[in-house]
Amino acid sequence: MKFGPADGRRRRIDRSRRASFAIDFAAVLHLACNTSPEWLPRARAHLDEVLLDHAHCEKKAAGAAVKLLFSYPHYRFLQEPLAELAREELEHFGQVLAHLDARGIRYENIRPGPYGMALHKLTRREEPNRLVDILLISALIEARSCERFRLLADGVEDPELEAFYRSLLACEARHHGIYVELAAKLVDSDALDHRLAELAESEAVIVSQPCDWVRLHAG
């Protein structure tokens, strides 16, 4: 198939629009930086590892939501939103397992990236600040997942994986919003915005650190 000059211009415009949208996307998700352009080529080259890590991330996200339910039963407003969020994370876990099976990838333990542990070290100890931080860190993890799912949706050559990652975007963005809204019930808006901005700046530093292996939130 041959393309004329007009087709080339349309493709350039489309790439420009995608780049512009990526910047807006990060802002909406309260991210302080976009993913490095080096991550996607490495992720494509190690896609099986990224998928396996993704499965573990979905399982851990479900577990984290359930743990909050048990740790804070006295906060009634947490219960239904986190229960529903945990159900959706487990549903995503099952979907990733299906993609692993379809590609002949064995589900097994994998060395986790440093991202999550480094973020949770930022949690303050006293309540309710501890819970606020856990919720906001969870929001930023969902935001980064959403941003990288979009990169994968735009960048992988497998049509099924492209459709799968695109199908997750709205849900991940909604999970980000749920965690922020829950944190907003514990502190005033100025304190929330200040702490979210602080954690977002730290998240940007952490996610930009070099890593020897490729993970959904590292490498």
N, C-alpha and C. Protein backbone atom coordinates (compact mmCIF):
# COMPACT_ATOMS: atom_id res chain seq x y z
N MET A 1 0.84 -1.19 0.00
CA MET A 1 0.00 0.00 0.00
C MET A 1 0.89 1.25 0.00
N LYS A 2 0.55 2.21 -0.88
CA LYS A 2 1.32 3.44 -0.98
C LYS A 2 0.55 4.59 -0.33
N PHE A 3 1.31 5.46 0.30
CA PHE A 3 0.72 6.62 0.94
C PHE A 3 1.23 7.88 0.26
N GLY A 4 0.32 8.82 0.05
CA GLY A 4 0.70 10.09 -0.53
C GLY A 4 1.08 11.10 0.53
N PRO A 5 1.43 12.32 0.12
CA PRO A 5 1.82 13.37 1.06
C PRO A 5 0.75 13.67 2.09
N ALA A 6 -0.51 13.64 1.67
CA ALA A 6 -1.60 13.95 2.61
C ALA A 6 -1.66 12.92 3.72
N ASP A 7 -1.41 11.64 3.35
CA ASP A 7 -1.43 10.59 4.37
C ASP A 7 -0.31 10.81 5.37
N GLY A 8 0.85 11.21 4.89
CA GLY A 8 1.97 11.47 5.78
C GLY A 8 1.66 12.60 6.73
N ARG A 9 1.01 13.65 6.21
CA ARG A 9 0.64 14.79 7.07
C ARG A 9 -0.35 14.35 8.13
N ARG A 10 -1.33 13.51 7.73
CA ARG A 10 -2.32 13.05 8.70
C ARG A 10 -1.66 12.23 9.80
N ARG A 11 -0.69 11.38 9.41
CA ARG A 11 -0.01 10.55 10.42
C ARG A 11 0.79 11.44 11.37
N ARG A 12 1.44 12.51 10.82
CA ARG A 12 2.20 13.42 11.68
C ARG A 12 1.27 14.16 12.64
N ILE A 13 0.12 14.60 12.14
CA ILE A 13 -0.86 15.29 12.98
C ILE A 13 -1.36 14.36 14.07
N ASP A 14 -1.63 13.08 13.69
CA ASP A 14 -2.12 12.12 14.65
C ASP A 14 -1.11 11.89 15.76
N ARG A 15 0.18 11.77 15.40
CA ARG A 15 1.22 11.57 16.42
C ARG A 15 1.32 12.80 17.32
N SER A 16 1.17 14.00 16.72
CA SER A 16 1.22 15.23 17.51
C SER A 16 0.07 15.29 18.50
N ARG A 17 -1.13 14.91 18.04
CA ARG A 17 -2.29 14.91 18.92
C ARG A 17 -2.11 13.92 20.06
N ARG A 18 -1.53 12.75 19.73
CA ARG A 18 -1.30 11.74 20.77
C ARG A 18 -0.33 12.26 21.82
N ALA A 19 0.72 12.94 21.38
CA ALA A 19 1.70 13.48 22.32
C ALA A 19 1.06 14.53 23.21
N SER A 20 0.24 15.42 22.61
CA SER A 20 -0.44 16.45 23.38
C SER A 20 -1.38 15.83 24.39
N PHE A 21 -2.13 14.80 23.96
CA PHE A 21 -3.07 14.14 24.85
C PHE A 21 -2.35 13.48 26.01
N ALA A 22 -1.16 12.93 25.75
CA ALA A 22 -0.41 12.26 26.81
C ALA A 22 -0.07 13.24 27.93
N ILE A 23 0.27 14.48 27.57
CA ILE A 23 0.59 15.49 28.58
C ILE A 23 -0.65 15.81 29.40
N ASP A 24 -1.80 16.02 28.74
CA ASP A 24 -3.03 16.30 29.45
C ASP A 24 -3.42 15.11 30.34
N PHE A 25 -3.21 13.92 29.82
CA PHE A 25 -3.54 12.69 30.54
C PHE A 25 -2.83 12.65 31.88
N ALA A 26 -1.52 12.95 31.89
CA ALA A 26 -0.75 12.94 33.14
C ALA A 26 -1.28 13.98 34.11
N ALA A 27 -1.64 15.15 33.60
CA ALA A 27 -2.14 16.22 34.48
C ALA A 27 -3.45 15.82 35.14
N VAL A 28 -4.35 15.22 34.38
CA VAL A 28 -5.64 14.80 34.92
C VAL A 28 -5.44 13.76 36.02
N LEU A 29 -4.43 12.92 35.89
CA LEU A 29 -4.18 11.87 36.87
C LEU A 29 -3.27 12.32 38.01
N HIS A 30 -2.98 13.61 38.10
CA HIS A 30 -2.15 14.17 39.16
C HIS A 30 -0.72 13.64 39.14
N LEU A 31 -0.25 13.21 37.98
CA LEU A 31 1.14 12.77 37.87
C LEU A 31 2.05 13.97 37.63
N ALA A 32 3.22 13.94 38.27
CA ALA A 32 4.15 15.06 38.13
C ALA A 32 5.08 14.91 36.94
N CYS A 33 5.06 13.75 36.30
CA CYS A 33 5.89 13.55 35.09
C CYS A 33 5.26 12.48 34.22
N ASN A 34 5.61 12.52 32.95
CA ASN A 34 5.23 11.46 32.03
C ASN A 34 6.30 10.37 32.05
N THR A 35 5.92 9.18 31.67
CA THR A 35 6.87 8.07 31.56
C THR A 35 7.93 8.40 30.53
N SER A 36 9.16 8.00 30.83
CA SER A 36 10.26 8.21 29.89
C SER A 36 9.98 7.50 28.57
N PRO A 37 10.36 8.11 27.43
CA PRO A 37 10.15 7.45 26.15
C PRO A 37 10.93 6.16 26.01
N GLU A 38 11.90 5.93 26.89
CA GLU A 38 12.69 4.71 26.82
C GLU A 38 11.94 3.49 27.35
N TRP A 39 10.88 3.73 28.14
CA TRP A 39 10.22 2.59 28.77
C TRP A 39 9.48 1.71 27.77
N LEU A 40 8.73 2.30 26.85
CA LEU A 40 7.89 1.50 25.94
C LEU A 40 8.71 0.54 25.07
N PRO A 41 9.80 0.97 24.44
CA PRO A 41 10.58 -0.01 23.67
C PRO A 41 11.10 -1.17 24.52
N ARG A 42 11.50 -0.87 25.76
CA ARG A 42 11.96 -1.95 26.64
C ARG A 42 10.79 -2.85 27.02
N ALA A 43 9.63 -2.27 27.27
CA ALA A 43 8.46 -3.07 27.62
C ALA A 43 8.05 -3.97 26.46
N ARG A 44 8.10 -3.44 25.24
CA ARG A 44 7.76 -4.27 24.08
C ARG A 44 8.73 -5.42 23.90
N ALA A 45 10.00 -5.17 24.21
CA ALA A 45 11.03 -6.20 24.07
C ALA A 45 10.93 -7.26 25.16
N HIS A 46 10.28 -6.93 26.27
CA HIS A 46 10.14 -7.87 27.39
C HIS A 46 8.66 -7.96 27.78
N LEU A 47 7.81 -8.11 26.78
CA LEU A 47 6.37 -8.03 27.02
C LEU A 47 5.87 -9.16 27.92
N ASP A 48 6.46 -10.35 27.81
CA ASP A 48 6.03 -11.45 28.66
C ASP A 48 6.26 -11.12 30.13
N GLU A 49 7.41 -10.51 30.44
CA GLU A 49 7.70 -10.12 31.82
C GLU A 49 6.74 -9.04 32.30
N VAL A 50 6.45 -8.09 31.43
CA VAL A 50 5.53 -7.01 31.81
C VAL A 50 4.14 -7.57 32.09
N LEU A 51 3.69 -8.52 31.27
CA LEU A 51 2.38 -9.14 31.49
C LEU A 51 2.36 -9.91 32.81
N LEU A 52 3.41 -10.64 33.08
CA LEU A 52 3.48 -11.39 34.33
C LEU A 52 3.47 -10.44 35.53
N ASP A 53 4.24 -9.37 35.43
CA ASP A 53 4.25 -8.37 36.49
C ASP A 53 2.88 -7.72 36.63
N HIS A 54 2.23 -7.48 35.51
CA HIS A 54 0.89 -6.88 35.54
C HIS A 54 -0.07 -7.77 36.33
N ALA A 55 0.00 -9.07 36.12
CA ALA A 55 -0.88 -9.99 36.86
C ALA A 55 -0.65 -9.84 38.36
N HIS A 56 0.60 -9.80 38.77
CA HIS A 56 0.90 -9.65 40.20
C HIS A 56 0.43 -8.29 40.72
N CYS A 57 0.54 -7.26 39.90
CA CYS A 57 0.08 -5.92 40.31
C CYS A 57 -1.42 -5.90 40.57
N GLU A 58 -2.19 -6.55 39.70
CA GLU A 58 -3.64 -6.58 39.88
C GLU A 58 -3.99 -7.34 41.16
N LYS A 59 -3.31 -8.46 41.42
CA LYS A 59 -3.58 -9.23 42.63
C LYS A 59 -3.22 -8.43 43.88
N LYS A 60 -2.07 -7.73 43.83
CA LYS A 60 -1.66 -6.92 44.98
C LYS A 60 -2.62 -5.75 45.19
N ALA A 61 -3.12 -5.17 44.11
CA ALA A 61 -4.07 -4.06 44.24
C ALA A 61 -5.35 -4.52 44.93
N ALA A 62 -5.83 -5.71 44.56
CA ALA A 62 -7.01 -6.26 45.22
C ALA A 62 -6.73 -6.51 46.69
N GLY A 63 -5.57 -7.09 46.98
CA GLY A 63 -5.21 -7.37 48.37
C GLY A 63 -5.08 -6.10 49.20
N ALA A 64 -4.54 -5.05 48.61
CA ALA A 64 -4.37 -3.79 49.33
C ALA A 64 -5.73 -3.19 49.69
N ALA A 65 -6.69 -3.27 48.78
CA ALA A 65 -8.02 -2.74 49.06
C ALA A 65 -8.69 -3.54 50.18
N VAL A 66 -8.57 -4.86 50.13
CA VAL A 66 -9.17 -5.70 51.18
C VAL A 66 -8.49 -5.44 52.52
N LYS A 67 -7.18 -5.27 52.52
CA LYS A 67 -6.46 -4.99 53.76
C LYS A 67 -6.97 -3.70 54.41
N LEU A 68 -7.26 -2.69 53.61
CA LEU A 68 -7.80 -1.45 54.15
C LEU A 68 -9.16 -1.68 54.80
N LEU A 69 -9.98 -2.55 54.21
CA LEU A 69 -11.28 -2.86 54.78
C LEU A 69 -11.13 -3.45 56.19
N PHE A 70 -10.16 -4.33 56.35
CA PHE A 70 -9.95 -4.96 57.65
C PHE A 70 -9.25 -4.02 58.64
N SER A 71 -8.38 -3.16 58.13
CA SER A 71 -7.62 -2.27 59.01
C SER A 71 -8.45 -1.10 59.50
N TYR A 72 -9.45 -0.67 58.72
CA TYR A 72 -10.23 0.52 59.08
C TYR A 72 -11.73 0.25 59.02
N PRO A 73 -12.22 -0.75 59.78
CA PRO A 73 -13.66 -1.04 59.75
C PRO A 73 -14.51 0.08 60.32
N HIS A 74 -13.90 0.96 61.14
CA HIS A 74 -14.64 2.06 61.77
C HIS A 74 -14.91 3.20 60.80
N TYR A 75 -14.30 3.18 59.63
CA TYR A 75 -14.60 4.20 58.62
C TYR A 75 -15.63 3.61 57.65
N ARG A 76 -16.86 3.90 57.92
CA ARG A 76 -17.96 3.32 57.14
C ARG A 76 -17.86 3.68 55.65
N PHE A 77 -17.39 4.90 55.37
CA PHE A 77 -17.39 5.37 53.98
C PHE A 77 -16.41 4.61 53.09
N LEU A 78 -15.49 3.87 53.70
CA LEU A 78 -14.52 3.11 52.90
C LEU A 78 -15.09 1.80 52.35
N GLN A 79 -16.09 1.26 53.03
CA GLN A 79 -16.41 -0.16 52.84
C GLN A 79 -16.87 -0.52 51.42
N GLU A 80 -17.97 0.04 50.96
CA GLU A 80 -18.46 -0.36 49.63
C GLU A 80 -17.51 0.02 48.49
N PRO A 81 -16.96 1.25 48.50
CA PRO A 81 -16.05 1.59 47.40
C PRO A 81 -14.84 0.67 47.30
N LEU A 82 -14.25 0.33 48.44
CA LEU A 82 -13.06 -0.53 48.40
C LEU A 82 -13.43 -1.97 48.08
N ALA A 83 -14.59 -2.43 48.55
CA ALA A 83 -15.03 -3.78 48.21
C ALA A 83 -15.25 -3.91 46.71
N GLU A 84 -15.90 -2.92 46.11
CA GLU A 84 -16.12 -2.95 44.67
C GLU A 84 -14.80 -2.85 43.90
N LEU A 85 -13.91 -1.99 44.40
CA LEU A 85 -12.61 -1.84 43.75
C LEU A 85 -11.83 -3.15 43.79
N ALA A 86 -11.87 -3.84 44.93
CA ALA A 86 -11.17 -5.13 45.05
C ALA A 86 -11.74 -6.14 44.07
N ARG A 87 -13.06 -6.16 43.93
CA ARG A 87 -13.68 -7.08 42.96
C ARG A 87 -13.21 -6.80 41.55
N GLU A 88 -13.14 -5.53 41.19
CA GLU A 88 -12.71 -5.18 39.84
C GLU A 88 -11.23 -5.54 39.62
N GLU A 89 -10.40 -5.35 40.64
CA GLU A 89 -8.99 -5.70 40.51
C GLU A 89 -8.83 -7.21 40.31
N LEU A 90 -9.61 -8.00 41.03
CA LEU A 90 -9.54 -9.45 40.85
C LEU A 90 -10.06 -9.86 39.47
N GLU A 91 -11.06 -9.15 38.96
CA GLU A 91 -11.53 -9.42 37.61
C GLU A 91 -10.41 -9.15 36.60
N HIS A 92 -9.71 -8.05 36.78
CA HIS A 92 -8.58 -7.73 35.90
C HIS A 92 -7.47 -8.78 36.03
N PHE A 93 -7.25 -9.25 37.25
CA PHE A 93 -6.26 -10.30 37.48
C PHE A 93 -6.61 -11.53 36.65
N GLY A 94 -7.86 -11.91 36.67
CA GLY A 94 -8.29 -13.06 35.86
C GLY A 94 -8.11 -12.81 34.37
N GLN A 95 -8.35 -11.60 33.92
CA GLN A 95 -8.18 -11.28 32.50
C GLN A 95 -6.71 -11.36 32.08
N VAL A 96 -5.82 -10.87 32.96
CA VAL A 96 -4.39 -10.95 32.63
C VAL A 96 -3.94 -12.41 32.61
N LEU A 97 -4.44 -13.21 33.56
CA LEU A 97 -4.11 -14.64 33.55
C LEU A 97 -4.51 -15.29 32.23
N ALA A 98 -5.68 -14.91 31.72
CA ALA A 98 -6.13 -15.47 30.44
C ALA A 98 -5.18 -15.09 29.31
N HIS A 99 -4.67 -13.86 29.33
CA HIS A 99 -3.71 -13.45 28.29
C HIS A 99 -2.38 -14.19 28.46
N LEU A 100 -1.98 -14.42 29.70
CA LEU A 100 -0.76 -15.21 29.92
C LEU A 100 -0.93 -16.61 29.36
N ASP A 101 -2.06 -17.24 29.65
CA ASP A 101 -2.31 -18.60 29.15
C ASP A 101 -2.32 -18.63 27.62
N ALA A 102 -2.96 -17.62 27.02
CA ALA A 102 -3.06 -17.58 25.56
C ALA A 102 -1.69 -17.45 24.91
N ARG A 103 -0.75 -16.81 25.60
CA ARG A 103 0.59 -16.62 25.06
C ARG A 103 1.56 -17.71 25.52
N GLY A 104 1.05 -18.67 26.29
CA GLY A 104 1.91 -19.75 26.75
C GLY A 104 2.90 -19.33 27.82
N ILE A 105 2.54 -18.31 28.61
CA ILE A 105 3.42 -17.81 29.67
C ILE A 105 2.98 -18.42 31.00
N ARG A 106 3.90 -19.04 31.68
CA ARG A 106 3.57 -19.66 32.96
C ARG A 106 3.42 -18.59 34.03
N TYR A 107 2.32 -18.66 34.79
CA TYR A 107 2.15 -17.74 35.91
C TYR A 107 3.00 -18.23 37.07
N GLU A 108 3.91 -17.39 37.52
CA GLU A 108 4.81 -17.75 38.61
C GLU A 108 5.27 -16.49 39.31
N ASN A 109 6.00 -16.68 40.40
CA ASN A 109 6.54 -15.53 41.11
C ASN A 109 7.53 -14.79 40.23
N ILE A 110 7.61 -13.50 40.45
CA ILE A 110 8.54 -12.66 39.69
C ILE A 110 9.11 -11.62 40.65
N ARG A 111 10.35 -11.29 40.45
CA ARG A 111 10.98 -10.30 41.31
C ARG A 111 10.28 -8.95 41.13
N PRO A 112 9.74 -8.39 42.21
CA PRO A 112 9.02 -7.12 42.05
C PRO A 112 9.97 -5.96 41.82
N GLY A 113 9.47 -4.94 41.18
CA GLY A 113 10.25 -3.72 41.04
C GLY A 113 10.29 -2.96 42.35
N PRO A 114 11.13 -1.95 42.44
CA PRO A 114 11.30 -1.20 43.69
C PRO A 114 10.22 -0.14 43.92
N TYR A 115 9.37 0.07 42.95
CA TYR A 115 8.43 1.20 42.93
C TYR A 115 7.49 1.23 44.14
N GLY A 116 6.74 0.16 44.34
CA GLY A 116 5.73 0.16 45.38
C GLY A 116 6.31 0.32 46.77
N MET A 117 7.37 -0.41 47.06
CA MET A 117 7.98 -0.33 48.38
C MET A 117 8.52 1.07 48.65
N ALA A 118 9.15 1.66 47.63
CA ALA A 118 9.69 3.01 47.80
C ALA A 118 8.58 4.02 48.07
N LEU A 119 7.45 3.87 47.38
CA LEU A 119 6.33 4.79 47.61
C LEU A 119 5.78 4.64 49.02
N HIS A 120 5.59 3.43 49.48
CA HIS A 120 4.96 3.22 50.78
C HIS A 120 5.89 3.62 51.93
N LYS A 121 7.17 3.76 51.68
CA LYS A 121 8.07 4.27 52.72
C LYS A 121 7.78 5.74 53.04
N LEU A 122 7.05 6.40 52.16
CA LEU A 122 6.71 7.81 52.37
C LEU A 122 5.52 8.00 53.30
N THR A 123 4.87 6.90 53.69
CA THR A 123 3.67 6.99 54.51
C THR A 123 3.98 7.52 55.91
N ARG A 124 3.22 8.51 56.33
CA ARG A 124 3.36 9.04 57.69
C ARG A 124 2.78 8.05 58.69
N ARG A 125 3.23 8.13 59.94
CA ARG A 125 2.85 7.13 60.93
C ARG A 125 1.57 7.46 61.68
N GLU A 126 1.34 8.75 61.95
CA GLU A 126 0.20 9.10 62.79
C GLU A 126 -1.09 9.12 61.95
N GLU A 127 -2.19 8.75 62.63
CA GLU A 127 -3.50 8.78 61.98
C GLU A 127 -4.15 10.15 62.20
N PRO A 128 -4.99 10.63 61.30
CA PRO A 128 -5.42 9.97 60.07
C PRO A 128 -4.46 10.17 58.88
N ASN A 129 -3.31 10.81 59.14
CA ASN A 129 -2.39 11.07 58.03
C ASN A 129 -1.88 9.78 57.38
N ARG A 130 -1.73 8.73 58.20
CA ARG A 130 -1.27 7.46 57.64
C ARG A 130 -2.27 6.94 56.59
N LEU A 131 -3.55 6.96 56.94
CA LEU A 131 -4.57 6.50 55.99
C LEU A 131 -4.64 7.41 54.77
N VAL A 132 -4.55 8.72 55.00
CA VAL A 132 -4.55 9.66 53.87
C VAL A 132 -3.43 9.30 52.90
N ASP A 133 -2.24 9.05 53.42
CA ASP A 133 -1.11 8.73 52.56
C ASP A 133 -1.31 7.41 51.82
N ILE A 134 -1.82 6.40 52.52
CA ILE A 134 -2.06 5.12 51.86
C ILE A 134 -3.04 5.29 50.71
N LEU A 135 -4.09 6.05 50.94
CA LEU A 135 -5.08 6.27 49.88
C LEU A 135 -4.49 7.06 48.71
N LEU A 136 -3.72 8.09 49.00
CA LEU A 136 -3.15 8.92 47.93
C LEU A 136 -2.06 8.16 47.17
N ILE A 137 -1.27 7.36 47.87
CA ILE A 137 -0.27 6.53 47.19
C ILE A 137 -0.96 5.52 46.29
N SER A 138 -2.06 4.93 46.77
CA SER A 138 -2.82 4.01 45.93
C SER A 138 -3.36 4.73 44.70
N ALA A 139 -3.81 5.97 44.89
CA ALA A 139 -4.31 6.76 43.76
C ALA A 139 -3.22 6.99 42.72
N LEU A 140 -2.01 7.29 43.17
CA LEU A 140 -0.91 7.54 42.23
C LEU A 140 -0.47 6.26 41.53
N ILE A 141 -0.52 5.14 42.23
CA ILE A 141 -0.18 3.87 41.57
C ILE A 141 -1.20 3.57 40.47
N GLU A 142 -2.49 3.78 40.77
CA GLU A 142 -3.52 3.59 39.75
C GLU A 142 -3.30 4.55 38.57
N ALA A 143 -2.91 5.78 38.89
CA ALA A 143 -2.67 6.77 37.83
C ALA A 143 -1.51 6.35 36.94
N ARG A 144 -0.42 5.91 37.54
CA ARG A 144 0.73 5.48 36.74
C ARG A 144 0.39 4.25 35.91
N SER A 145 -0.38 3.33 36.50
CA SER A 145 -0.82 2.17 35.74
C SER A 145 -1.63 2.60 34.52
N CYS A 146 -2.54 3.54 34.75
CA CYS A 146 -3.39 4.03 33.65
C CYS A 146 -2.54 4.65 32.55
N GLU A 147 -1.57 5.47 32.94
CA GLU A 147 -0.71 6.13 31.95
C GLU A 147 0.07 5.10 31.15
N ARG A 148 0.59 4.08 31.81
CA ARG A 148 1.39 3.08 31.09
C ARG A 148 0.52 2.11 30.30
N PHE A 149 -0.69 1.86 30.77
CA PHE A 149 -1.60 1.06 29.96
C PHE A 149 -1.90 1.76 28.64
N ARG A 150 -2.02 3.07 28.70
CA ARG A 150 -2.26 3.82 27.47
C ARG A 150 -1.07 3.72 26.53
N LEU A 151 0.13 3.79 27.07
CA LEU A 151 1.33 3.62 26.24
C LEU A 151 1.34 2.25 25.59
N LEU A 152 0.99 1.22 26.35
CA LEU A 152 0.96 -0.12 25.79
C LEU A 152 -0.14 -0.25 24.74
N ALA A 153 -1.30 0.33 25.02
CA ALA A 153 -2.40 0.27 24.04
C ALA A 153 -2.00 0.92 22.72
N ASP A 154 -1.26 2.01 22.80
CA ASP A 154 -0.82 2.71 21.58
C ASP A 154 0.41 2.06 20.94
N GLY A 155 1.17 1.28 21.74
CA GLY A 155 2.48 0.85 21.26
C GLY A 155 2.68 -0.62 20.96
N VAL A 156 1.79 -1.50 21.47
CA VAL A 156 1.99 -2.93 21.19
C VAL A 156 1.42 -3.27 19.81
N GLU A 157 1.96 -4.32 19.22
CA GLU A 157 1.54 -4.72 17.87
C GLU A 157 0.52 -5.85 17.90
N ASP A 158 0.22 -6.38 19.06
CA ASP A 158 -0.76 -7.44 19.23
C ASP A 158 -2.15 -6.81 19.36
N PRO A 159 -3.07 -7.03 18.40
CA PRO A 159 -4.39 -6.39 18.46
C PRO A 159 -5.18 -6.75 19.72
N GLU A 160 -5.05 -7.99 20.20
CA GLU A 160 -5.79 -8.39 21.40
C GLU A 160 -5.27 -7.66 22.64
N LEU A 161 -3.95 -7.55 22.76
CA LEU A 161 -3.39 -6.83 23.89
C LEU A 161 -3.69 -5.33 23.80
N GLU A 162 -3.66 -4.80 22.58
CA GLU A 162 -4.01 -3.38 22.40
C GLU A 162 -5.42 -3.13 22.90
N ALA A 163 -6.36 -3.98 22.49
CA ALA A 163 -7.76 -3.80 22.90
C ALA A 163 -7.90 -3.99 24.41
N PHE A 164 -7.17 -4.96 24.95
CA PHE A 164 -7.25 -5.21 26.39
C PHE A 164 -6.77 -4.01 27.19
N TYR A 165 -5.61 -3.48 26.85
CA TYR A 165 -5.09 -2.36 27.61
C TYR A 165 -5.95 -1.11 27.42
N ARG A 166 -6.51 -0.94 26.25
CA ARG A 166 -7.38 0.21 26.05
C ARG A 166 -8.66 0.07 26.89
N SER A 167 -9.11 -1.17 27.06
CA SER A 167 -10.34 -1.39 27.84
C SER A 167 -10.15 -1.10 29.32
N LEU A 168 -8.90 -1.08 29.79
CA LEU A 168 -8.63 -0.85 31.21
C LEU A 168 -8.52 0.62 31.58
N LEU A 169 -8.36 1.49 30.60
CA LEU A 169 -8.03 2.89 30.89
C LEU A 169 -9.07 3.59 31.76
N ALA A 170 -10.33 3.49 31.38
CA ALA A 170 -11.38 4.21 32.12
C ALA A 170 -11.47 3.69 33.56
N CYS A 171 -11.33 2.39 33.73
CA CYS A 171 -11.43 1.80 35.06
C CYS A 171 -10.27 2.23 35.94
N GLU A 172 -9.06 2.23 35.40
CA GLU A 172 -7.90 2.65 36.19
C GLU A 172 -8.01 4.12 36.58
N ALA A 173 -8.45 4.95 35.65
CA ALA A 173 -8.63 6.36 35.96
C ALA A 173 -9.71 6.55 37.04
N ARG A 174 -10.76 5.75 36.96
CA ARG A 174 -11.82 5.83 37.97
C ARG A 174 -11.29 5.39 39.34
N HIS A 175 -10.48 4.33 39.37
CA HIS A 175 -9.89 3.89 40.64
C HIS A 175 -9.04 5.00 41.26
N HIS A 176 -8.28 5.68 40.41
CA HIS A 176 -7.49 6.82 40.89
C HIS A 176 -8.40 7.84 41.56
N GLY A 177 -9.50 8.17 40.89
CA GLY A 177 -10.43 9.16 41.43
C GLY A 177 -11.08 8.70 42.73
N ILE A 178 -11.39 7.41 42.83
CA ILE A 178 -12.02 6.89 44.05
C ILE A 178 -11.09 7.06 45.23
N TYR A 179 -9.82 6.71 45.06
CA TYR A 179 -8.88 6.84 46.17
C TYR A 179 -8.71 8.30 46.60
N VAL A 180 -8.66 9.20 45.63
CA VAL A 180 -8.54 10.63 45.98
C VAL A 180 -9.79 11.10 46.72
N GLU A 181 -10.96 10.69 46.25
CA GLU A 181 -12.21 11.10 46.90
C GLU A 181 -12.30 10.56 48.32
N LEU A 182 -11.84 9.33 48.54
CA LEU A 182 -11.87 8.77 49.89
C LEU A 182 -10.93 9.54 50.83
N ALA A 183 -9.75 9.89 50.31
CA ALA A 183 -8.80 10.67 51.12
C ALA A 183 -9.38 12.04 51.45
N ALA A 184 -10.18 12.59 50.53
CA ALA A 184 -10.76 13.92 50.75
C ALA A 184 -11.77 13.95 51.89
N LYS A 185 -12.24 12.80 52.33
CA LYS A 185 -13.17 12.73 53.45
C LYS A 185 -12.45 12.82 54.79
N LEU A 186 -11.12 12.80 54.76
CA LEU A 186 -10.34 12.78 56.00
C LEU A 186 -9.63 14.09 56.29
N VAL A 187 -9.39 14.91 55.27
CA VAL A 187 -8.68 16.17 55.45
C VAL A 187 -9.33 17.24 54.58
N ASP A 188 -9.01 18.51 54.86
CA ASP A 188 -9.58 19.57 54.03
C ASP A 188 -8.89 19.62 52.68
N SER A 189 -9.48 20.35 51.76
CA SER A 189 -9.03 20.32 50.37
C SER A 189 -7.62 20.87 50.20
N ASP A 190 -7.26 21.91 50.97
CA ASP A 190 -5.91 22.46 50.85
C ASP A 190 -4.85 21.46 51.29
N ALA A 191 -5.11 20.80 52.42
CA ALA A 191 -4.17 19.79 52.92
C ALA A 191 -4.07 18.62 51.95
N LEU A 192 -5.21 18.24 51.38
CA LEU A 192 -5.22 17.13 50.41
C LEU A 192 -4.39 17.47 49.18
N ASP A 193 -4.64 18.65 48.61
CA ASP A 193 -3.93 19.05 47.40
C ASP A 193 -2.43 19.15 47.65
N HIS A 194 -2.06 19.70 48.81
CA HIS A 194 -0.64 19.86 49.14
C HIS A 194 0.04 18.50 49.27
N ARG A 195 -0.60 17.59 49.98
CA ARG A 195 0.02 16.28 50.18
C ARG A 195 0.05 15.47 48.89
N LEU A 196 -1.00 15.55 48.09
CA LEU A 196 -1.03 14.84 46.82
C LEU A 196 0.08 15.35 45.90
N ALA A 197 0.29 16.65 45.88
CA ALA A 197 1.37 17.22 45.05
C ALA A 197 2.73 16.76 45.55
N GLU A 198 2.92 16.73 46.88
CA GLU A 198 4.18 16.24 47.45
C GLU A 198 4.46 14.80 47.05
N LEU A 199 3.45 13.96 47.22
CA LEU A 199 3.62 12.54 46.89
C LEU A 199 3.82 12.34 45.39
N ALA A 200 3.15 13.15 44.58
CA ALA A 200 3.32 13.04 43.13
C ALA A 200 4.74 13.39 42.70
N GLU A 201 5.32 14.40 43.34
CA GLU A 201 6.72 14.74 43.05
C GLU A 201 7.65 13.60 43.43
N SER A 202 7.40 12.99 44.57
CA SER A 202 8.22 11.85 44.99
C SER A 202 8.02 10.66 44.06
N GLU A 203 6.77 10.43 43.66
CA GLU A 203 6.49 9.34 42.72
C GLU A 203 7.23 9.53 41.41
N ALA A 204 7.31 10.77 40.94
CA ALA A 204 8.01 11.06 39.69
C ALA A 204 9.49 10.71 39.79
N VAL A 205 10.08 10.99 40.94
CA VAL A 205 11.49 10.64 41.15
C VAL A 205 11.66 9.13 41.19
N ILE A 206 10.78 8.46 41.92
CA ILE A 206 10.89 7.00 42.08
C ILE A 206 10.71 6.28 40.76
N VAL A 207 9.69 6.66 40.00
CA VAL A 207 9.40 5.95 38.75
C VAL A 207 10.47 6.21 37.69
N SER A 208 11.24 7.28 37.86
CA SER A 208 12.28 7.63 36.89
C SER A 208 13.62 6.97 37.19
N GLN A 209 13.71 6.28 38.33
CA GLN A 209 14.97 5.64 38.69
C GLN A 209 15.27 4.49 37.74
N PRO A 210 16.54 4.35 37.33
CA PRO A 210 16.89 3.22 36.45
C PRO A 210 16.70 1.89 37.15
N CYS A 211 16.32 0.89 36.39
CA CYS A 211 16.10 -0.45 36.93
C CYS A 211 16.64 -1.47 35.93
N ASP A 212 17.28 -2.51 36.42
CA ASP A 212 17.90 -3.50 35.55
C ASP A 212 16.89 -4.39 34.85
N TRP A 213 15.68 -4.49 35.41
CA TRP A 213 14.65 -5.32 34.79
C TRP A 213 13.42 -4.47 34.50
N VAL A 214 12.60 -4.94 33.58
CA VAL A 214 11.44 -4.15 33.14
C VAL A 214 10.20 -4.63 33.88
N ARG A 215 9.49 -3.68 34.46
CA ARG A 215 8.24 -3.96 35.14
C ARG A 215 7.22 -2.91 34.73
N LEU A 216 5.97 -3.16 35.11
CA LEU A 216 4.91 -2.21 34.76
C LEU A 216 5.22 -0.82 35.30
N HIS A 217 5.81 -0.75 36.50
CA HIS A 217 6.11 0.53 37.11
C HIS A 217 7.61 0.78 37.25
N ALA A 218 8.41 0.08 36.51
CA ALA A 218 9.87 0.26 36.60
C ALA A 218 10.51 -0.11 35.28
N GLY A 219 11.75 0.33 35.12
CA GLY A 219 12.52 -0.05 33.94
C GLY A 219 12.37 0.89 32.79
